[in-house]
Amino acid sequence: MPSRSEATDTTPLPHSIALRAAENDLQTLRGRLRTVAEFIHDPAHDFAARHALALSLGLPVPTPTPAARQTKEVTR
């Protein structure tokens, strides 16, 4: 039977260390995915490049911005 001090030991278990590392990696990947998605949907960049990137990564493709709306955004 473990003593009371052994039961309250705060030393991380090996699986909790691995879980923390996996969570950190996942957070990094989510940040990168957010950056890529922002690029793909930013009309300031070339549409063909954004479209090709989205297709190659299996992400939703951007919709072309009407010419009138593009000039309005640029002139603001």
PDB file of N, CA and C in Angstrom:
ATOM      1  N   MET A   1       0.843  -1.172   0.000  1.00  0.00           N
ATOM      2  CA  MET A   1       0.000   0.000   0.000  1.00  0.00           C
ATOM      3  C   MET A   1       0.894   1.242   0.000  1.00  0.00           C
ATOM      4  N   PRO A   2       0.658   2.196  -0.935  1.00  0.00           N
ATOM      5  CA  PRO A   2       1.522   3.374  -0.989  1.00  0.00           C
ATOM      6  C   PRO A   2       1.267   4.288   0.212  1.00  0.00           C
ATOM      7  N   SER A   3       2.321   4.934   0.633  1.00  0.00           N
ATOM      8  CA  SER A   3       2.170   5.883   1.742  1.00  0.00           C
ATOM      9  C   SER A   3       1.498   7.150   1.231  1.00  0.00           C
ATOM     10  N   ARG A   4       1.059   7.962   2.143  1.00  0.00           N
ATOM     11  CA  ARG A   4       0.355   9.202   1.810  1.00  0.00           C
ATOM     12  C   ARG A   4       1.244  10.140   0.979  1.00  0.00           C
ATOM     13  N   SER A   5       2.535  10.203   1.292  1.00  0.00           N
ATOM     14  CA  SER A   5       3.431  11.084   0.538  1.00  0.00           C
ATOM     15  C   SER A   5       3.604  10.616  -0.900  1.00  0.00           C
ATOM     16  N   GLU A   6       3.571   9.303  -1.134  1.00  0.00           N
ATOM     17  CA  GLU A   6       3.676   8.791  -2.498  1.00  0.00           C
ATOM     18  C   GLU A   6       2.426   9.103  -3.308  1.00  0.00           C
ATOM     19  N   ALA A   7       1.281   9.106  -2.682  1.00  0.00           N
ATOM     20  CA  ALA A   7       0.020   9.360  -3.379  1.00  0.00           C
ATOM     21  C   ALA A   7      -0.106  10.821  -3.784  1.00  0.00           C
ATOM     22  N   THR A   8       0.544  11.726  -3.090  1.00  0.00           N
ATOM     23  CA  THR A   8       0.425  13.160  -3.397  1.00  0.00           C
ATOM     24  C   THR A   8       1.651  13.695  -4.120  1.00  0.00           C
ATOM     25  N   ASP A   9       2.496  12.825  -4.594  1.00  0.00           N
ATOM     26  CA  ASP A   9       3.692  13.232  -5.322  1.00  0.00           C
ATOM     27  C   ASP A   9       3.285  14.004  -6.582  1.00  0.00           C
ATOM     28  N   THR A  10       3.923  15.153  -6.839  1.00  0.00           N
ATOM     29  CA  THR A  10       3.567  15.985  -8.004  1.00  0.00           C
ATOM     30  C   THR A  10       4.503  15.770  -9.187  1.00  0.00           C
ATOM     31  N   THR A  11       5.329  14.755  -9.149  1.00  0.00           N
ATOM     32  CA  THR A  11       6.212  14.447 -10.272  1.00  0.00           C
ATOM     33  C   THR A  11       5.362  14.056 -11.482  1.00  0.00           C
ATOM     34  N   PRO A  12       5.569  14.726 -12.639  1.00  0.00           N
ATOM     35  CA  PRO A  12       4.761  14.379 -13.813  1.00  0.00           C
ATOM     36  C   PRO A  12       5.007  12.947 -14.255  1.00  0.00           C
ATOM     37  N   LEU A  13       3.963  12.302 -14.651  1.00  0.00           N
ATOM     38  CA  LEU A  13       4.067  10.945 -15.163  1.00  0.00           C
ATOM     39  C   LEU A  13       4.541  11.000 -16.615  1.00  0.00           C
ATOM     40  N   PRO A  14       5.204   9.965 -17.096  1.00  0.00           N
ATOM     41  CA  PRO A  14       5.713   9.975 -18.479  1.00  0.00           C
ATOM     42  C   PRO A  14       4.624  10.245 -19.519  1.00  0.00           C
ATOM     43  N   HIS A  15       3.439   9.697 -19.334  1.00  0.00           N
ATOM     44  CA  HIS A  15       2.388   9.927 -20.331  1.00  0.00           C
ATOM     45  C   HIS A  15       1.886  11.369 -20.283  1.00  0.00           C
ATOM     46  N   SER A  16       1.956  12.045 -19.122  1.00  0.00           N
ATOM     47  CA  SER A  16       1.523  13.439 -19.071  1.00  0.00           C
ATOM     48  C   SER A  16       2.530  14.350 -19.771  1.00  0.00           C
ATOM     49  N   ILE A  17       3.800  13.973 -19.714  1.00  0.00           N
ATOM     50  CA  ILE A  17       4.825  14.745 -20.434  1.00  0.00           C
ATOM     51  C   ILE A  17       4.609  14.602 -21.937  1.00  0.00           C
ATOM     52  N   ALA A  18       4.332  13.393 -22.392  1.00  0.00           N
ATOM     53  CA  ALA A  18       4.083  13.156 -23.816  1.00  0.00           C
ATOM     54  C   ALA A  18       2.813  13.871 -24.269  1.00  0.00           C
ATOM     55  N   LEU A  19       1.804  13.887 -23.415  1.00  0.00           N
ATOM     56  CA  LEU A  19       0.555  14.578 -23.753  1.00  0.00           C
ATOM     57  C   LEU A  19       0.783  16.074 -23.881  1.00  0.00           C
ATOM     58  N   ARG A  20       1.554  16.656 -22.986  1.00  0.00           N
ATOM     59  CA  ARG A  20       1.875  18.087 -23.052  1.00  0.00           C
ATOM     60  C   ARG A  20       2.627  18.392 -24.341  1.00  0.00           C
ATOM     61  N   ALA A  21       3.574  17.554 -24.720  1.00  0.00           N
ATOM     62  CA  ALA A  21       4.330  17.760 -25.956  1.00  0.00           C
ATOM     63  C   ALA A  21       3.405  17.689 -27.164  1.00  0.00           C
ATOM     64  N   ALA A  22       2.468  16.733 -27.162  1.00  0.00           N
ATOM     65  CA  ALA A  22       1.517  16.605 -28.266  1.00  0.00           C
ATOM     66  C   ALA A  22       0.596  17.823 -28.338  1.00  0.00           C
ATOM     67  N   GLU A  23       0.171  18.330 -27.188  1.00  0.00           N
ATOM     68  CA  GLU A  23      -0.685  19.516 -27.166  1.00  0.00           C
ATOM     69  C   GLU A  23       0.064  20.730 -27.691  1.00  0.00           C
ATOM     70  N   ASN A  24       1.337  20.861 -27.340  1.00  0.00           N
ATOM     71  CA  ASN A  24       2.147  21.977 -27.843  1.00  0.00           C
ATOM     72  C   ASN A  24       2.320  21.890 -29.355  1.00  0.00           C
ATOM     73  N   ASP A  25       2.584  20.676 -29.862  1.00  0.00           N
ATOM     74  CA  ASP A  25       2.714  20.484 -31.310  1.00  0.00           C
ATOM     75  C   ASP A  25       1.411  20.824 -32.028  1.00  0.00           C
ATOM     76  N   LEU A  26       0.303  20.406 -31.455  1.00  0.00           N
ATOM     77  CA  LEU A  26      -1.003  20.686 -32.051  1.00  0.00           C
ATOM     78  C   LEU A  26      -1.275  22.186 -32.085  1.00  0.00           C
ATOM     79  N   GLN A  27      -0.921  22.890 -31.024  1.00  0.00           N
ATOM     80  CA  GLN A  27      -1.103  24.339 -30.992  1.00  0.00           C
ATOM     81  C   GLN A  27      -0.267  25.014 -32.078  1.00  0.00           C
ATOM     82  N   THR A  28       0.954  24.549 -32.270  1.00  0.00           N
ATOM     83  CA  THR A  28       1.821  25.094 -33.321  1.00  0.00           C
ATOM     84  C   THR A  28       1.212  24.853 -34.698  1.00  0.00           C
ATOM     85  N   LEU A  29       0.741  23.639 -34.935  1.00  0.00           N
ATOM     86  CA  LEU A  29       0.141  23.318 -36.233  1.00  0.00           C
ATOM     87  C   LEU A  29      -1.125  24.122 -36.487  1.00  0.00           C
ATOM     88  N   ARG A  30      -1.943  24.322 -35.465  1.00  0.00           N
ATOM     89  CA  ARG A  30      -3.147  25.146 -35.632  1.00  0.00           C
ATOM     90  C   ARG A  30      -2.789  26.583 -35.982  1.00  0.00           C
ATOM     91  N   GLY A  31      -1.740  27.108 -35.383  1.00  0.00           N
ATOM     92  CA  GLY A  31      -1.293  28.456 -35.712  1.00  0.00           C
ATOM     93  C   GLY A  31      -0.833  28.556 -37.153  1.00  0.00           C
ATOM     94  N   ARG A  32      -0.108  27.545 -37.614  1.00  0.00           N
ATOM     95  CA  ARG A  32       0.354  27.544 -39.011  1.00  0.00           C
ATOM     96  C   ARG A  32      -0.819  27.422 -39.973  1.00  0.00           C
ATOM     97  N   LEU A  33      -1.783  26.590 -39.632  1.00  0.00           N
ATOM     98  CA  LEU A  33      -2.963  26.440 -40.478  1.00  0.00           C
ATOM     99  C   LEU A  33      -3.743  27.754 -40.550  1.00  0.00           C
ATOM    100  N   ARG A  34      -3.845  28.456 -39.429  1.00  0.00           N
ATOM    101  CA  ARG A  34      -4.537  29.751 -39.408  1.00  0.00           C
ATOM    102  C   ARG A  34      -3.814  30.750 -40.317  1.00  0.00           C
ATOM    103  N   THR A  35      -2.488  30.768 -40.262  1.00  0.00           N
ATOM    104  CA  THR A  35      -1.707  31.674 -41.109  1.00  0.00           C
ATOM    105  C   THR A  35      -1.921  31.363 -42.585  1.00  0.00           C
ATOM    106  N   VAL A  36      -1.916  30.083 -42.929  1.00  0.00           N
ATOM    107  CA  VAL A  36      -2.127  29.675 -44.324  1.00  0.00           C
ATOM    108  C   VAL A  36      -3.542  30.038 -44.777  1.00  0.00           C
ATOM    109  N   ALA A  37      -4.533  29.800 -43.928  1.00  0.00           N
ATOM    110  CA  ALA A  37      -5.917  30.127 -44.281  1.00  0.00           C
ATOM    111  C   ALA A  37      -6.089  31.629 -44.478  1.00  0.00           C
ATOM    112  N   GLU A  38      -5.443  32.428 -43.642  1.00  0.00           N
ATOM    113  CA  GLU A  38      -5.512  33.883 -43.813  1.00  0.00           C
ATOM    114  C   GLU A  38      -4.908  34.296 -45.149  1.00  0.00           C
ATOM    115  N   PHE A  39      -3.790  33.696 -45.520  1.00  0.00           N
ATOM    116  CA  PHE A  39      -3.165  33.992 -46.803  1.00  0.00           C
ATOM    117  C   PHE A  39      -4.087  33.600 -47.953  1.00  0.00           C
ATOM    118  N   ILE A  40      -4.662  32.408 -47.876  1.00  0.00           N
ATOM    119  CA  ILE A  40      -5.510  31.902 -48.954  1.00  0.00           C
ATOM    120  C   ILE A  40      -6.712  32.816 -49.191  1.00  0.00           C
ATOM    121  N   HIS A  41      -7.241  33.402 -48.148  1.00  0.00           N
ATOM    122  CA  HIS A  41      -8.443  34.223 -48.293  1.00  0.00           C
ATOM    123  C   HIS A  41      -8.165  35.725 -48.309  1.00  0.00           C
ATOM    124  N   ASP A  42      -6.903  36.111 -48.448  1.00  0.00           N
ATOM    125  CA  ASP A  42      -6.531  37.522 -48.518  1.00  0.00           C
ATOM    126  C   ASP A  42      -6.479  37.953 -49.982  1.00  0.00           C
ATOM    127  N   PRO A  43      -7.409  38.804 -50.418  1.00  0.00           N
ATOM    128  CA  PRO A  43      -7.447  39.199 -51.832  1.00  0.00           C
ATOM    129  C   PRO A  43      -6.258  40.059 -52.270  1.00  0.00           C
ATOM    130  N   ALA A  44      -5.411  40.461 -51.352  1.00  0.00           N
ATOM    131  CA  ALA A  44      -4.233  41.245 -51.730  1.00  0.00           C
ATOM    132  C   ALA A  44      -3.197  40.393 -52.468  1.00  0.00           C
ATOM    133  N   HIS A  45      -3.300  39.068 -52.334  1.00  0.00           N
ATOM    134  CA  HIS A  45      -2.367  38.163 -52.999  1.00  0.00           C
ATOM    135  C   HIS A  45      -2.993  37.611 -54.276  1.00  0.00           C
ATOM    136  N   ASP A  46      -2.130  37.128 -55.163  1.00  0.00           N
ATOM    137  CA  ASP A  46      -2.547  36.586 -56.456  1.00  0.00           C
ATOM    138  C   ASP A  46      -3.564  35.460 -56.276  1.00  0.00           C
ATOM    139  N   PHE A  47      -4.703  35.572 -56.958  1.00  0.00           N
ATOM    140  CA  PHE A  47      -5.776  34.590 -56.813  1.00  0.00           C
ATOM    141  C   PHE A  47      -5.340  33.199 -57.251  1.00  0.00           C
ATOM    142  N   ALA A  48      -4.624  33.106 -58.370  1.00  0.00           N
ATOM    143  CA  ALA A  48      -4.212  31.792 -58.880  1.00  0.00           C
ATOM    144  C   ALA A  48      -3.304  31.075 -57.879  1.00  0.00           C
ATOM    145  N   ALA A  49      -2.400  31.818 -57.261  1.00  0.00           N
ATOM    146  CA  ALA A  49      -1.500  31.220 -56.272  1.00  0.00           C
ATOM    147  C   ALA A  49      -2.274  30.765 -55.039  1.00  0.00           C
ATOM    148  N   ARG A  50      -3.202  31.590 -54.585  1.00  0.00           N
ATOM    149  CA  ARG A  50      -4.006  31.235 -53.411  1.00  0.00           C
ATOM    150  C   ARG A  50      -4.872  30.014 -53.701  1.00  0.00           C
ATOM    151  N   HIS A  51      -5.449  29.971 -54.895  1.00  0.00           N
ATOM    152  CA  HIS A  51      -6.311  28.862 -55.292  1.00  0.00           C
ATOM    153  C   HIS A  51      -5.510  27.559 -55.374  1.00  0.00           C
ATOM    154  N   ALA A  52      -4.344  27.621 -56.003  1.00  0.00           N
ATOM    155  CA  ALA A  52      -3.495  26.434 -56.140  1.00  0.00           C
ATOM    156  C   ALA A  52      -3.021  25.933 -54.777  1.00  0.00           C
ATOM    157  N   LEU A  53      -2.675  26.845 -53.884  1.00  0.00           N
ATOM    158  CA  LEU A  53      -2.235  26.459 -52.545  1.00  0.00           C
ATOM    159  C   LEU A  53      -3.364  25.757 -51.793  1.00  0.00           C
ATOM    160  N   ALA A  54      -4.558  26.311 -51.869  1.00  0.00           N
ATOM    161  CA  ALA A  54      -5.705  25.702 -51.192  1.00  0.00           C
ATOM    162  C   ALA A  54      -5.976  24.303 -51.734  1.00  0.00           C
ATOM    163  N   LEU A  55      -5.920  24.155 -53.043  1.00  0.00           N
ATOM    164  CA  LEU A  55      -6.147  22.843 -53.652  1.00  0.00           C
ATOM    165  C   LEU A  55      -5.087  21.831 -53.215  1.00  0.00           C
ATOM    166  N   SER A  56      -3.836  22.250 -53.221  1.00  0.00           N
ATOM    167  CA  SER A  56      -2.757  21.314 -52.885  1.00  0.00           C
ATOM    168  C   SER A  56      -2.788  20.905 -51.414  1.00  0.00           C
ATOM    169  N   LEU A  57      -3.326  21.758 -50.553  1.00  0.00           N
ATOM    170  CA  LEU A  57      -3.407  21.434 -49.128  1.00  0.00           C
ATOM    171  C   LEU A  57      -4.751  20.826 -48.733  1.00  0.00           C
ATOM    172  N   GLY A  58      -5.672  20.742 -49.676  1.00  0.00           N
ATOM    173  CA  GLY A  58      -6.985  20.181 -49.372  1.00  0.00           C
ATOM    174  C   GLY A  58      -7.841  21.098 -48.522  1.00  0.00           C
ATOM    175  N   LEU A  59      -7.618  22.407 -48.647  1.00  0.00           N
ATOM    176  CA  LEU A  59      -8.385  23.398 -47.889  1.00  0.00           C
ATOM    177  C   LEU A  59      -9.452  24.018 -48.783  1.00  0.00           C
ATOM    178  N   PRO A  60     -10.463  24.652 -48.200  1.00  0.00           N
ATOM    179  CA  PRO A  60     -11.471  25.332 -49.022  1.00  0.00           C
ATOM    180  C   PRO A  60     -10.817  26.393 -49.907  1.00  0.00           C
ATOM    181  N   VAL A  61     -11.204  26.417 -51.166  1.00  0.00           N
ATOM    182  CA  VAL A  61     -10.612  27.371 -52.109  1.00  0.00           C
ATOM    183  C   VAL A  61     -11.234  28.748 -51.917  1.00  0.00           C
ATOM    184  N   PRO A  62     -10.465  29.795 -52.197  1.00  0.00           N
ATOM    185  CA  PRO A  62     -11.012  31.145 -52.077  1.00  0.00           C
ATOM    186  C   PRO A  62     -11.973  31.442 -53.216  1.00  0.00           C
ATOM    187  N   THR A  63     -12.877  32.336 -52.986  1.00  0.00           N
ATOM    188  CA  THR A  63     -13.787  32.762 -54.050  1.00  0.00           C
ATOM    189  C   THR A  63     -13.193  33.995 -54.701  1.00  0.00           C
ATOM    190  N   PRO A  64     -13.302  34.076 -56.025  1.00  0.00           N
ATOM    191  CA  PRO A  64     -12.751  35.255 -56.701  1.00  0.00           C
ATOM    192  C   PRO A  64     -13.511  36.507 -56.262  1.00  0.00           C
ATOM    193  N   THR A  65     -12.774  37.577 -56.059  1.00  0.00           N
ATOM    194  CA  THR A  65     -13.379  38.845 -55.664  1.00  0.00           C
ATOM    195  C   THR A  65     -13.761  39.602 -56.927  1.00  0.00           C
ATOM    196  N   PRO A  66     -14.990  40.109 -57.007  1.00  0.00           N
ATOM    197  CA  PRO A  66     -15.372  40.903 -58.191  1.00  0.00           C
ATOM    198  C   PRO A  66     -14.419  42.086 -58.377  1.00  0.00           C
ATOM    199  N   ALA A  67     -14.178  42.448 -59.626  1.00  0.00           N
ATOM    200  CA  ALA A  67     -13.224  43.519 -59.935  1.00  0.00           C
ATOM    201  C   ALA A  67     -13.612  44.831 -59.268  1.00  0.00           C
ATOM    202  N   ALA A  68     -14.881  45.165 -59.231  1.00  0.00           N
ATOM    203  CA  ALA A  68     -15.327  46.420 -58.627  1.00  0.00           C
ATOM    204  C   ALA A  68     -14.983  46.439 -57.136  1.00  0.00           C
ATOM    205  N   ARG A  69     -15.149  45.309 -56.476  1.00  0.00           N
ATOM    206  CA  ARG A  69     -14.860  45.254 -55.041  1.00  0.00           C
ATOM    207  C   ARG A  69     -13.366  45.323 -54.791  1.00  0.00           C
ATOM    208  N   GLN A  70     -12.558  44.735 -55.675  1.00  0.00           N
ATOM    209  CA  GLN A  70     -11.103  44.774 -55.503  1.00  0.00           C
ATOM    210  C   GLN A  70     -10.608  46.209 -55.573  1.00  0.00           C
ATOM    211  N   THR A  71     -11.087  46.979 -56.549  1.00  0.00           N
ATOM    212  CA  THR A  71     -10.603  48.358 -56.678  1.00  0.00           C
ATOM    213  C   THR A  71     -11.087  49.200 -55.507  1.00  0.00           C
ATOM    214  N   LYS A  72     -12.271  48.923 -54.996  1.00  0.00           N
ATOM    215  CA  LYS A  72     -12.785  49.671 -53.861  1.00  0.00           C
ATOM    216  C   LYS A  72     -11.918  49.437 -52.629  1.00  0.00           C
ATOM    217  N   GLU A  73     -11.485  48.176 -52.405  1.00  0.00           N
ATOM    218  CA  GLU A  73     -10.639  47.863 -51.255  1.00  0.00           C
ATOM    219  C   GLU A  73      -9.262  48.492 -51.393  1.00  0.00           C
ATOM    220  N   VAL A  74      -8.737  48.540 -52.608  1.00  0.00           N
ATOM    221  CA  VAL A  74      -7.412  49.090 -52.829  1.00  0.00           C
ATOM    222  C   VAL A  74      -7.403  50.593 -52.633  1.00  0.00           C
ATOM    223  N   THR A  75      -8.475  51.277 -53.016  1.00  0.00           N
ATOM    224  CA  THR A  75      -8.505  52.737 -52.944  1.00  0.00           C
ATOM    225  C   THR A  75      -8.847  53.271 -51.558  1.00  0.00           C
ATOM    226  N   ARG A  76      -9.210  52.417 -50.633  1.00  0.00           N
ATOM    227  CA  ARG A  76      -9.533  52.907 -49.286  1.00  0.00           C
ATOM    228  C   ARG A  76      -8.353  53.425 -48.572  1.00  0.00           C
TER     229      ARG A  76
END
